[in-house]
C-alpha atoms as a PDB file:
ATOM      1  CA  UNK A   1       0.007   0.005   0.012  1.00  0.00           C
ATOM      2  CA  UNK A   2       1.450   3.343  -1.006  1.00  0.00           C
ATOM      3  CA  UNK A   3       0.767   6.651   0.623  1.00  0.00           C
ATOM      4  CA  UNK A   4      -0.812   8.965  -2.006  1.00  0.00           C
ATOM      5  CA  UNK A   5      -1.212  11.882   0.358  1.00  0.00           C
ATOM      6  CA  UNK A   6       0.667  15.035  -0.573  1.00  0.00           C
ATOM      7  CA  UNK A   7       2.185  16.597   2.599  1.00  0.00           C
ATOM      8  CA  UNK A   8       2.520  19.934   0.847  1.00  0.00           C
ATOM      9  CA  UNK A   9      -1.261  20.448   0.765  1.00  0.00           C
ATOM     10  CA  UNK A  10      -1.494  20.709   4.536  1.00  0.00           C
ATOM     11  CA  UNK A  11       0.803  23.725   4.604  1.00  0.00           C
ATOM     12  CA  UNK A  12      -1.135  25.382   1.801  1.00  0.00           C
ATOM     13  CA  UNK A  13      -4.477  24.868   3.585  1.00  0.00           C
ATOM     14  CA  UNK A  14      -2.965  26.309   6.754  1.00  0.00           C
ATOM     15  CA  UNK A  15      -1.722  29.417   4.877  1.00  0.00           C
ATOM     16  CA  UNK A  16      -5.117  29.879   3.280  1.00  0.00           C
ATOM     17  CA  UNK A  17      -6.853  29.536   6.670  1.00  0.00           C
ATOM     18  CA  UNK A  18      -4.644  32.188   8.223  1.00  0.00           C
ATOM     19  CA  UNK A  19      -5.312  34.524   5.286  1.00  0.00           C
ATOM     20  CA  UNK A  20      -9.074  34.011   5.488  1.00  0.00           C
ATOM     21  CA  UNK A  21      -8.955  34.738   9.216  1.00  0.00           C
ATOM     22  CA  UNK A  22      -7.056  37.946   8.598  1.00  0.00           C
ATOM     23  CA  UNK A  23      -9.470  38.981   5.859  1.00  0.00           C
ATOM     24  CA  UNK A  24     -12.523  38.341   8.041  1.00  0.00           C
ATOM     25  CA  UNK A  25     -10.992  40.362  10.886  1.00  0.00           C
ATOM     26  CA  UNK A  26     -10.193  43.194   8.488  1.00  0.00           C
ATOM     27  CA  UNK A  27     -13.797  43.399   7.416  1.00  0.00           C
ATOM     28  CA  UNK A  28     -14.995  43.543  11.042  1.00  0.00           C
ATOM     29  CA  UNK A  29     -12.332  46.177  11.821  1.00  0.00           C
ATOM     30  CA  UNK A  30     -13.393  48.372   8.887  1.00  0.00           C
ATOM     31  CA  UNK A  31     -17.050  48.220   9.927  1.00  0.00           C
ATOM     32  CA  UNK A  32     -16.083  49.073  13.515  1.00  0.00           C
ATOM     33  CA  UNK A  33     -14.015  52.068  12.410  1.00  0.00           C
ATOM     34  CA  UNK A  34     -16.847  53.194  10.146  1.00  0.00           C
ATOM     35  CA  UNK A  35     -19.251  52.991  13.072  1.00  0.00           C
ATOM     36  CA  UNK A  36     -16.840  54.954  15.261  1.00  0.00           C
ATOM     37  CA  UNK A  37     -16.454  57.683  12.638  1.00  0.00           C
ATOM     38  CA  UNK A  38     -20.197  58.071  12.096  1.00  0.00           C
ATOM     39  CA  UNK A  39     -21.186  57.828  15.782  1.00  0.00           C
ATOM     40  CA  UNK A  40     -20.503  61.503  16.446  1.00  0.00           C
ATOM     41  CA  UNK A  41     -19.621  62.997  19.820  1.00  0.00           C
ATOM     42  CA  UNK A  42     -21.673  60.462  21.747  1.00  0.00           C
ATOM     43  CA  UNK A  43     -19.610  57.581  20.344  1.00  0.00           C
ATOM     44  CA  UNK A  44     -16.609  57.797  22.658  1.00  0.00           C
ATOM     45  CA  UNK A  45     -17.039  54.205  23.813  1.00  0.00           C
ATOM     46  CA  UNK A  46     -17.268  53.091  20.157  1.00  0.00           C
ATOM     47  CA  UNK A  47     -14.048  54.957  19.432  1.00  0.00           C
ATOM     48  CA  UNK A  48     -12.267  53.144  22.311  1.00  0.00           C
ATOM     49  CA  UNK A  49     -13.531  49.804  20.983  1.00  0.00           C
ATOM     50  CA  UNK A  50     -12.278  50.785  17.517  1.00  0.00           C
ATOM     51  CA  UNK A  51      -8.830  51.633  18.837  1.00  0.00           C
ATOM     52  CA  UNK A  52      -8.632  48.307  20.725  1.00  0.00           C
ATOM     53  CA  UNK A  53      -9.834  46.560  17.579  1.00  0.00           C
ATOM     54  CA  UNK A  54      -7.116  48.227  15.495  1.00  0.00           C
ATOM     55  CA  UNK A  55      -4.430  47.097  17.976  1.00  0.00           C
ATOM     56  CA  UNK A  56      -5.826  43.521  18.055  1.00  0.00           C
ATOM     57  CA  UNK A  57      -6.105  43.494  14.255  1.00  0.00           C
ATOM     58  CA  UNK A  58      -2.482  44.595  13.872  1.00  0.00           C
ATOM     59  CA  UNK A  59      -1.303  41.841  16.209  1.00  0.00           C
ATOM     60  CA  UNK A  60      -3.392  39.149  14.478  1.00  0.00           C
ATOM     61  CA  UNK A  61      -2.448  40.281  10.955  1.00  0.00           C
ATOM     62  CA  UNK A  62       1.225  40.194  11.937  1.00  0.00           C
ATOM     63  CA  UNK A  63       0.770  36.713  13.383  1.00  0.00           C
ATOM     64  CA  UNK A  64      -1.174  35.566  10.297  1.00  0.00           C
ATOM     65  CA  UNK A  65       1.457  36.928   7.965  1.00  0.00           C
ATOM     66  CA  UNK A  66       4.291  35.280   9.876  1.00  0.00           C
ATOM     67  CA  UNK A  67       2.446  31.960  10.038  1.00  0.00           C
ATOM     68  CA  UNK A  68       1.284  32.052   6.409  1.00  0.00           C
ATOM     69  CA  UNK A  69       4.657  33.023   4.991  1.00  0.00           C
ATOM     70  CA  UNK A  70       6.565  30.503   7.064  1.00  0.00           C
ATOM     71  CA  UNK A  71       8.962  33.100   8.455  1.00  0.00           C
ATOM     72  CA  UNK A  72       8.360  32.127  12.061  1.00  0.00           C
ATOM     73  CA  UNK A  73       9.022  28.982  14.028  1.00  0.00           C
ATOM     74  CA  UNK A  74       5.867  26.855  14.268  1.00  0.00           C
ATOM     75  CA  UNK A  75       4.070  27.243  17.586  1.00  0.00           C
ATOM     76  CA  UNK A  76       1.665  24.551  18.668  1.00  0.00           C
ATOM     77  CA  UNK A  77       0.446  26.177  21.846  1.00  0.00           C
ATOM     78  CA  UNK A  78       1.306  28.517  24.616  1.00  0.00           C
ATOM     79  CA  UNK A  79       0.682  32.271  24.602  1.00  0.00           C
ATOM     80  CA  UNK A  80       0.511  32.527  20.814  1.00  0.00           C
ATOM     81  CA  UNK A  81      -2.398  30.120  20.614  1.00  0.00           C
ATOM     82  CA  UNK A  82      -4.142  31.767  23.551  1.00  0.00           C
ATOM     83  CA  UNK A  83      -3.730  35.243  22.024  1.00  0.00           C
ATOM     84  CA  UNK A  84      -4.988  34.120  18.612  1.00  0.00           C
ATOM     85  CA  UNK A  85      -8.007  32.400  20.226  1.00  0.00           C
ATOM     86  CA  UNK A  86      -8.809  35.468  22.349  1.00  0.00           C
ATOM     87  CA  UNK A  87      -8.525  37.782  19.346  1.00  0.00           C
ATOM     88  CA  UNK A  88     -10.712  35.516  17.241  1.00  0.00           C
ATOM     89  CA  UNK A  89     -13.347  35.336  19.956  1.00  0.00           C
ATOM     90  CA  UNK A  90     -13.225  39.128  20.428  1.00  0.00           C
ATOM     91  CA  UNK A  91     -13.616  39.790  16.729  1.00  0.00           C
ATOM     92  CA  UNK A  92     -16.453  37.261  16.509  1.00  0.00           C
ATOM     93  CA  UNK A  93     -18.242  39.059  19.373  1.00  0.00           C
ATOM     94  CA  UNK A  94     -17.581  42.404  17.766  1.00  0.00           C
ATOM     95  CA  UNK A  95     -18.976  41.083  14.474  1.00  0.00           C
ATOM     96  CA  UNK A  96     -22.138  39.942  16.246  1.00  0.00           C
ATOM     97  CA  UNK A  97     -22.531  43.371  17.852  1.00  0.00           C
ATOM     98  CA  UNK A  98     -22.137  45.024  14.467  1.00  0.00           C
ATOM     99  CA  UNK A  99     -24.837  42.785  13.020  1.00  0.00           C
ATOM    100  CA  UNK A 100     -27.164  43.513  15.931  1.00  0.00           C
ATOM    101  CA  UNK A 101     -26.447  47.247  15.557  1.00  0.00           C
ATOM    102  CA  UNK A 102     -27.523  47.024  11.914  1.00  0.00           C
ATOM    103  CA  UNK A 103     -24.357  47.447   9.933  1.00  0.00           C
END
């Protein structure tokens, strides 16, 4: 029995998954910034959320780029995984709030 699996496909799927995650977070970030810019003077809390989202987005996009391009050492757990999971959950929650808000 020969192994017909191509081990190169797993790396490609992983790169595509990281890129899709970064793209989805970028969309949520842009909608959050749009909401913050149109909220007016009463939207100070939305502006704070937007600033936190920009910082989280920058960290996640940097992580996604490093993981997708293969320029970093592979991490299978620890703080990197926890930070990525926390950012993903935060952006998912923010996306739900944007949908509820009507954007």
